[in-house]
Amino acid sequence: MRNKEIRAIYEGDLDKFLDKLELLELLEKGELVCAVCNEKITRDNFRFIFSEDNEIKVCCNSIQCYEKAISKIA
């Protein structure tokens, strides 16, 4: 998948977006984890998706994880 910058998506479009990235099934099975702290990602603690080293990664809603992930991609 080519890297593209996506600023935001509507919450109602999240499942479709995650499905395109092949992450929806992982989320539903409880197998999607934060790239920073390895906490299981749920719909309640999902913060954002980012690309690092040509991999799609996700981040939980912990402010510490968010700051670490942002510092990696900024």
PDB file of N, CA and C in Angstrom:
ATOM      1  N   MET A   1       0.848  -1.171   0.000  1.00  0.00           N
ATOM      2  CA  MET A   1       0.000   0.000   0.000  1.00  0.00           C
ATOM      3  C   MET A   1       0.889   1.229   0.000  1.00  0.00           C
ATOM      4  N   ARG A   2       0.562   2.201  -0.830  1.00  0.00           N
ATOM      5  CA  ARG A   2       1.312   3.451  -0.874  1.00  0.00           C
ATOM      6  C   ARG A   2       0.999   4.283   0.346  1.00  0.00           C
ATOM      7  N   ASN A   3       1.990   5.032   0.778  1.00  0.00           N
ATOM      8  CA  ASN A   3       1.771   5.948   1.894  1.00  0.00           C
ATOM      9  C   ASN A   3       0.996   7.153   1.402  1.00  0.00           C
ATOM     10  N   LYS A   4      -0.052   7.481   2.107  1.00  0.00           N
ATOM     11  CA  LYS A   4      -0.847   8.667   1.827  1.00  0.00           C
ATOM     12  C   LYS A   4      -1.170   9.318   3.152  1.00  0.00           C
ATOM     13  N   GLU A   5      -1.201  10.623   3.151  1.00  0.00           N
ATOM     14  CA  GLU A   5      -1.567  11.330   4.364  1.00  0.00           C
ATOM     15  C   GLU A   5      -3.082  11.430   4.441  1.00  0.00           C
ATOM     16  N   ILE A   6      -3.612  11.008   5.554  1.00  0.00           N
ATOM     17  CA  ILE A   6      -5.045  11.092   5.797  1.00  0.00           C
ATOM     18  C   ILE A   6      -5.215  11.857   7.097  1.00  0.00           C
ATOM     19  N   ARG A   7      -5.871  12.967   7.040  1.00  0.00           N
ATOM     20  CA  ARG A   7      -5.987  13.802   8.226  1.00  0.00           C
ATOM     21  C   ARG A   7      -7.080  13.319   9.173  1.00  0.00           C
ATOM     22  N   ALA A   8      -8.206  12.897   8.659  1.00  0.00           N
ATOM     23  CA  ALA A   8      -9.302  12.454   9.511  1.00  0.00           C
ATOM     24  C   ALA A   8     -10.299  11.654   8.689  1.00  0.00           C
ATOM     25  N   ILE A   9     -11.024  10.784   9.392  1.00  0.00           N
ATOM     26  CA  ILE A   9     -12.139  10.080   8.766  1.00  0.00           C
ATOM     27  C   ILE A   9     -13.318  10.152   9.725  1.00  0.00           C
ATOM     28  N   TYR A  10     -14.502  10.028   9.167  1.00  0.00           N
ATOM     29  CA  TYR A  10     -15.700  10.019   9.994  1.00  0.00           C
ATOM     30  C   TYR A  10     -15.775   8.715  10.773  1.00  0.00           C
ATOM     31  N   GLU A  11     -16.252   8.798  11.990  1.00  0.00           N
ATOM     32  CA  GLU A  11     -16.368   7.600  12.821  1.00  0.00           C
ATOM     33  C   GLU A  11     -17.197   6.531  12.121  1.00  0.00           C
ATOM     34  N   GLY A  12     -18.223   6.945  11.403  1.00  0.00           N
ATOM     35  CA  GLY A  12     -19.071   5.999  10.682  1.00  0.00           C
ATOM     36  C   GLY A  12     -18.349   5.280   9.556  1.00  0.00           C
ATOM     37  N   ASP A  13     -17.220   5.837   9.111  1.00  0.00           N
ATOM     38  CA  ASP A  13     -16.436   5.230   8.037  1.00  0.00           C
ATOM     39  C   ASP A  13     -15.260   4.416   8.565  1.00  0.00           C
ATOM     40  N   LEU A  14     -15.097   4.359   9.881  1.00  0.00           N
ATOM     41  CA  LEU A  14     -13.923   3.710  10.461  1.00  0.00           C
ATOM     42  C   LEU A  14     -13.839   2.232  10.104  1.00  0.00           C
ATOM     43  N   ASP A  15     -14.929   1.501  10.218  1.00  0.00           N
ATOM     44  CA  ASP A  15     -14.883   0.071   9.909  1.00  0.00           C
ATOM     45  C   ASP A  15     -14.472  -0.170   8.459  1.00  0.00           C
ATOM     46  N   LYS A  16     -15.015   0.594   7.561  1.00  0.00           N
ATOM     47  CA  LYS A  16     -14.683   0.452   6.141  1.00  0.00           C
ATOM     48  C   LYS A  16     -13.196   0.748   5.922  1.00  0.00           C
ATOM     49  N   PHE A  17     -12.704   1.791   6.551  1.00  0.00           N
ATOM     50  CA  PHE A  17     -11.305   2.177   6.432  1.00  0.00           C
ATOM     51  C   PHE A  17     -10.394   1.086   7.012  1.00  0.00           C
ATOM     52  N   LEU A  18     -10.719   0.610   8.202  1.00  0.00           N
ATOM     53  CA  LEU A  18      -9.913  -0.444   8.825  1.00  0.00           C
ATOM     54  C   LEU A  18      -9.944  -1.726   8.003  1.00  0.00           C
ATOM     55  N   ASP A  19     -11.079  -2.019   7.402  1.00  0.00           N
ATOM     56  CA  ASP A  19     -11.189  -3.198   6.555  1.00  0.00           C
ATOM     57  C   ASP A  19     -10.257  -3.076   5.348  1.00  0.00           C
ATOM     58  N   LYS A  20     -10.204  -1.907   4.736  1.00  0.00           N
ATOM     59  CA  LYS A  20      -9.312  -1.697   3.591  1.00  0.00           C
ATOM     60  C   LYS A  20      -7.856  -1.884   3.987  1.00  0.00           C
ATOM     61  N   LEU A  21      -7.520  -1.538   5.220  1.00  0.00           N
ATOM     62  CA  LEU A  21      -6.148  -1.696   5.701  1.00  0.00           C
ATOM     63  C   LEU A  21      -5.889  -3.080   6.288  1.00  0.00           C
ATOM     64  N   GLU A  22      -6.906  -3.939   6.235  1.00  0.00           N
ATOM     65  CA  GLU A  22      -6.845  -5.298   6.775  1.00  0.00           C
ATOM     66  C   GLU A  22      -6.589  -5.295   8.282  1.00  0.00           C
ATOM     67  N   LEU A  23      -7.184  -4.317   8.977  1.00  0.00           N
ATOM     68  CA  LEU A  23      -7.056  -4.206  10.419  1.00  0.00           C
ATOM     69  C   LEU A  23      -8.360  -4.479  11.161  1.00  0.00           C
ATOM     70  N   LEU A  24      -9.474  -4.459  10.465  1.00  0.00           N
ATOM     71  CA  LEU A  24     -10.771  -4.613  11.112  1.00  0.00           C
ATOM     72  C   LEU A  24     -10.899  -5.971  11.795  1.00  0.00           C
ATOM     73  N   GLU A  25     -10.520  -7.018  11.121  1.00  0.00           N
ATOM     74  CA  GLU A  25     -10.623  -8.358  11.706  1.00  0.00           C
ATOM     75  C   GLU A  25      -9.738  -8.473  12.956  1.00  0.00           C
ATOM     76  N   LEU A  26      -8.535  -7.893  12.890  1.00  0.00           N
ATOM     77  CA  LEU A  26      -7.645  -7.908  14.050  1.00  0.00           C
ATOM     78  C   LEU A  26      -8.267  -7.163  15.226  1.00  0.00           C
ATOM     79  N   LEU A  27      -8.895  -6.029  14.954  1.00  0.00           N
ATOM     80  CA  LEU A  27      -9.569  -5.253  15.996  1.00  0.00           C
ATOM     81  C   LEU A  27     -10.691  -6.073  16.618  1.00  0.00           C
ATOM     82  N   GLU A  28     -11.506  -6.683  15.784  1.00  0.00           N
ATOM     83  CA  GLU A  28     -12.648  -7.454  16.270  1.00  0.00           C
ATOM     84  C   GLU A  28     -12.227  -8.699  17.051  1.00  0.00           C
ATOM     85  N   LYS A  29     -11.077  -9.276  16.707  1.00  0.00           N
ATOM     86  CA  LYS A  29     -10.579 -10.464  17.403  1.00  0.00           C
ATOM     87  C   LYS A  29      -9.780 -10.112  18.655  1.00  0.00           C
ATOM     88  N   GLY A  30      -9.541  -8.807  18.875  1.00  0.00           N
ATOM     89  CA  GLY A  30      -8.736  -8.397  20.019  1.00  0.00           C
ATOM     90  C   GLY A  30      -7.254  -8.619  19.807  1.00  0.00           C
ATOM     91  N   GLU A  31      -6.826  -8.662  18.549  1.00  0.00           N
ATOM     92  CA  GLU A  31      -5.430  -8.926  18.223  1.00  0.00           C
ATOM     93  C   GLU A  31      -4.675  -7.689  17.755  1.00  0.00           C
ATOM     94  N   LEU A  32      -5.337  -6.543  17.725  1.00  0.00           N
ATOM     95  CA  LEU A  32      -4.695  -5.303  17.310  1.00  0.00           C
ATOM     96  C   LEU A  32      -4.111  -4.641  18.550  1.00  0.00           C
ATOM     97  N   VAL A  33      -2.825  -4.292  18.497  1.00  0.00           N
ATOM     98  CA  VAL A  33      -2.170  -3.734  19.679  1.00  0.00           C
ATOM     99  C   VAL A  33      -1.505  -2.403  19.355  1.00  0.00           C
ATOM    100  N   CYS A  34      -1.353  -1.598  20.375  1.00  0.00           N
ATOM    101  CA  CYS A  34      -0.676  -0.312  20.269  1.00  0.00           C
ATOM    102  C   CYS A  34       0.788  -0.558  19.894  1.00  0.00           C
ATOM    103  N   ALA A  35       1.277   0.193  18.930  1.00  0.00           N
ATOM    104  CA  ALA A  35       2.658   0.044  18.480  1.00  0.00           C
ATOM    105  C   ALA A  35       3.665   0.531  19.514  1.00  0.00           C
ATOM    106  N   VAL A  36       3.203   1.282  20.506  1.00  0.00           N
ATOM    107  CA  VAL A  36       4.107   1.827  21.514  1.00  0.00           C
ATOM    108  C   VAL A  36       4.115   0.968  22.778  1.00  0.00           C
ATOM    109  N   CYS A  37       2.941   0.666  23.327  1.00  0.00           N
ATOM    110  CA  CYS A  37       2.881  -0.025  24.629  1.00  0.00           C
ATOM    111  C   CYS A  37       2.374  -1.461  24.540  1.00  0.00           C
ATOM    112  N   ASN A  38       1.941  -1.891  23.364  1.00  0.00           N
ATOM    113  CA  ASN A  38       1.402  -3.240  23.139  1.00  0.00           C
ATOM    114  C   ASN A  38       0.078  -3.509  23.835  1.00  0.00           C
ATOM    115  N   GLU A  39      -0.610  -2.464  24.290  1.00  0.00           N
ATOM    116  CA  GLU A  39      -1.945  -2.646  24.864  1.00  0.00           C
ATOM    117  C   GLU A  39      -2.917  -3.024  23.754  1.00  0.00           C
ATOM    118  N   LYS A  40      -3.853  -3.909  24.085  1.00  0.00           N
ATOM    119  CA  LYS A  40      -4.867  -4.311  23.113  1.00  0.00           C
ATOM    120  C   LYS A  40      -5.693  -3.094  22.718  1.00  0.00           C
ATOM    121  N   ILE A  41      -5.871  -2.887  21.422  1.00  0.00           N
ATOM    122  CA  ILE A  41      -6.666  -1.773  20.909  1.00  0.00           C
ATOM    123  C   ILE A  41      -8.126  -2.200  20.814  1.00  0.00           C
ATOM    124  N   THR A  42      -8.986  -1.366  21.361  1.00  0.00           N
ATOM    125  CA  THR A  42     -10.431  -1.559  21.267  1.00  0.00           C
ATOM    126  C   THR A  42     -11.023  -0.321  20.603  1.00  0.00           C
ATOM    127  N   ARG A  43     -12.303  -0.363  20.349  1.00  0.00           N
ATOM    128  CA  ARG A  43     -12.957   0.826  19.799  1.00  0.00           C
ATOM    129  C   ARG A  43     -12.909   1.984  20.801  1.00  0.00           C
ATOM    130  N   ASP A  44     -12.858   1.673  22.076  1.00  0.00           N
ATOM    131  CA  ASP A  44     -12.851   2.712  23.103  1.00  0.00           C
ATOM    132  C   ASP A  44     -11.496   3.385  23.289  1.00  0.00           C
ATOM    133  N   ASN A  45     -10.394   2.658  23.055  1.00  0.00           N
ATOM    134  CA  ASN A  45      -9.088   3.269  23.285  1.00  0.00           C
ATOM    135  C   ASN A  45      -8.297   3.538  22.005  1.00  0.00           C
ATOM    136  N   PHE A  46      -8.924   3.382  20.866  1.00  0.00           N
ATOM    137  CA  PHE A  46      -8.288   3.630  19.567  1.00  0.00           C
ATOM    138  C   PHE A  46      -8.024   5.118  19.406  1.00  0.00           C
ATOM    139  N   ARG A  47      -6.782   5.508  19.057  1.00  0.00           N
ATOM    140  CA  ARG A  47      -6.450   6.924  18.891  1.00  0.00           C
ATOM    141  C   ARG A  47      -6.181   7.280  17.435  1.00  0.00           C
ATOM    142  N   PHE A  48      -5.183   6.615  16.814  1.00  0.00           N
ATOM    143  CA  PHE A  48      -4.896   6.931  15.412  1.00  0.00           C
ATOM    144  C   PHE A  48      -4.058   5.844  14.755  1.00  0.00           C
ATOM    145  N   ILE A  49      -3.963   5.957  13.436  1.00  0.00           N
ATOM    146  CA  ILE A  49      -3.198   5.044  12.595  1.00  0.00           C
ATOM    147  C   ILE A  49      -2.055   5.842  12.000  1.00  0.00           C
ATOM    148  N   PHE A  50      -0.883   5.207  11.929  1.00  0.00           N
ATOM    149  CA  PHE A  50       0.248   5.880  11.306  1.00  0.00           C
ATOM    150  C   PHE A  50       1.120   4.860  10.581  1.00  0.00           C
ATOM    151  N   SER A  51       2.004   5.377   9.761  1.00  0.00           N
ATOM    152  CA  SER A  51       2.911   4.529   9.009  1.00  0.00           C
ATOM    153  C   SER A  51       4.321   4.746   9.530  1.00  0.00           C
ATOM    154  N   GLU A  52       5.006   3.630   9.775  1.00  0.00           N
ATOM    155  CA  GLU A  52       6.396   3.684  10.214  1.00  0.00           C
ATOM    156  C   GLU A  52       7.129   2.520   9.578  1.00  0.00           C
ATOM    157  N   ASP A  53       8.261   2.797   8.961  1.00  0.00           N
ATOM    158  CA  ASP A  53       9.052   1.759   8.301  1.00  0.00           C
ATOM    159  C   ASP A  53       8.207   0.951   7.322  1.00  0.00           C
ATOM    160  N   ASN A  54       7.365   1.660   6.568  1.00  0.00           N
ATOM    161  CA  ASN A  54       6.487   1.046   5.560  1.00  0.00           C
ATOM    162  C   ASN A  54       5.483   0.069   6.147  1.00  0.00           C
ATOM    163  N   GLU A  55       5.176   0.201   7.423  1.00  0.00           N
ATOM    164  CA  GLU A  55       4.157  -0.619   8.077  1.00  0.00           C
ATOM    165  C   GLU A  55       3.053   0.277   8.615  1.00  0.00           C
ATOM    166  N   ILE A  56       1.828  -0.199   8.545  1.00  0.00           N
ATOM    167  CA  ILE A  56       0.697   0.492   9.139  1.00  0.00           C
ATOM    168  C   ILE A  56       0.643   0.099  10.604  1.00  0.00           C
ATOM    169  N   LYS A  57       0.619   1.091  11.484  1.00  0.00           N
ATOM    170  CA  LYS A  57       0.587   0.838  12.918  1.00  0.00           C
ATOM    171  C   LYS A  57      -0.540   1.645  13.547  1.00  0.00           C
ATOM    172  N   VAL A  58      -0.926   1.253  14.744  1.00  0.00           N
ATOM    173  CA  VAL A  58      -1.985   1.968  15.467  1.00  0.00           C
ATOM    174  C   VAL A  58      -1.473   2.375  16.840  1.00  0.00           C
ATOM    175  N   CYS A  59      -2.149   3.357  17.401  1.00  0.00           N
ATOM    176  CA  CYS A  59      -1.770   3.879  18.707  1.00  0.00           C
ATOM    177  C   CYS A  59      -3.013   3.949  19.586  1.00  0.00           C
ATOM    178  N   CYS A  60      -2.821   3.622  20.864  1.00  0.00           N
ATOM    179  CA  CYS A  60      -3.922   3.723  21.820  1.00  0.00           C
ATOM    180  C   CYS A  60      -4.104   5.188  22.241  1.00  0.00           C
ATOM    181  N   ASN A  61      -5.048   5.437  23.109  1.00  0.00           N
ATOM    182  CA  ASN A  61      -5.352   6.810  23.489  1.00  0.00           C
ATOM    183  C   ASN A  61      -4.545   7.317  24.685  1.00  0.00           C
ATOM    184  N   SER A  62      -3.546   6.589  25.103  1.00  0.00           N
ATOM    185  CA  SER A  62      -2.648   7.067  26.157  1.00  0.00           C
ATOM    186  C   SER A  62      -1.868   8.267  25.637  1.00  0.00           C
ATOM    187  N   ILE A  63      -1.837   9.349  26.399  1.00  0.00           N
ATOM    188  CA  ILE A  63      -1.122  10.544  25.961  1.00  0.00           C
ATOM    189  C   ILE A  63       0.368  10.257  25.798  1.00  0.00           C
ATOM    190  N   GLN A  64       0.933   9.394  26.644  1.00  0.00           N
ATOM    191  CA  GLN A  64       2.349   9.049  26.525  1.00  0.00           C
ATOM    192  C   GLN A  64       2.623   8.314  25.206  1.00  0.00           C
ATOM    193  N   CYS A  65       1.760   7.381  24.862  1.00  0.00           N
ATOM    194  CA  CYS A  65       1.915   6.648  23.606  1.00  0.00           C
ATOM    195  C   CYS A  65       1.740   7.583  22.416  1.00  0.00           C
ATOM    196  N   TYR A  66       0.747   8.441  22.503  1.00  0.00           N
ATOM    197  CA  TYR A  66       0.494   9.401  21.429  1.00  0.00           C
ATOM    198  C   TYR A  66       1.734  10.261  21.189  1.00  0.00           C
ATOM    199  N   GLU A  67       2.307  10.792  22.244  1.00  0.00           N
ATOM    200  CA  GLU A  67       3.486  11.659  22.106  1.00  0.00           C
ATOM    201  C   GLU A  67       4.669  10.896  21.537  1.00  0.00           C
ATOM    202  N   LYS A  68       4.876   9.656  21.964  1.00  0.00           N
ATOM    203  CA  LYS A  68       5.981   8.853  21.445  1.00  0.00           C
ATOM    204  C   LYS A  68       5.777   8.536  19.967  1.00  0.00           C
ATOM    205  N   ALA A  69       4.551   8.169  19.609  1.00  0.00           N
ATOM    206  CA  ALA A  69       4.268   7.833  18.204  1.00  0.00           C
ATOM    207  C   ALA A  69       4.414   9.058  17.315  1.00  0.00           C
ATOM    208  N   ILE A  70       3.907  10.187  17.760  1.00  0.00           N
ATOM    209  CA  ILE A  70       4.014  11.426  16.982  1.00  0.00           C
ATOM    210  C   ILE A  70       5.481  11.809  16.797  1.00  0.00           C
ATOM    211  N   SER A  71       6.285  11.643  17.823  1.00  0.00           N
ATOM    212  CA  SER A  71       7.702  12.003  17.719  1.00  0.00           C
ATOM    213  C   SER A  71       8.435  11.125  16.707  1.00  0.00           C
ATOM    214  N   LYS A  72       7.968   9.892  16.511  1.00  0.00           N
ATOM    215  CA  LYS A  72       8.578   8.996  15.543  1.00  0.00           C
ATOM    216  C   LYS A  72       8.274   9.416  14.103  1.00  0.00           C
ATOM    217  N   ILE A  73       7.094   9.978  13.886  1.00  0.00           N
ATOM    218  CA  ILE A  73       6.684  10.273  12.503  1.00  0.00           C
ATOM    219  C   ILE A  73       6.798  11.743  12.145  1.00  0.00           C
ATOM    220  N   ALA A  74       7.050  12.588  13.117  1.00  0.00           N
ATOM    221  CA  ALA A  74       7.116  14.037  12.845  1.00  0.00           C
ATOM    222  C   ALA A  74       8.436  14.427  12.237  1.00  0.00           C
TER     223      ALA A  74
END
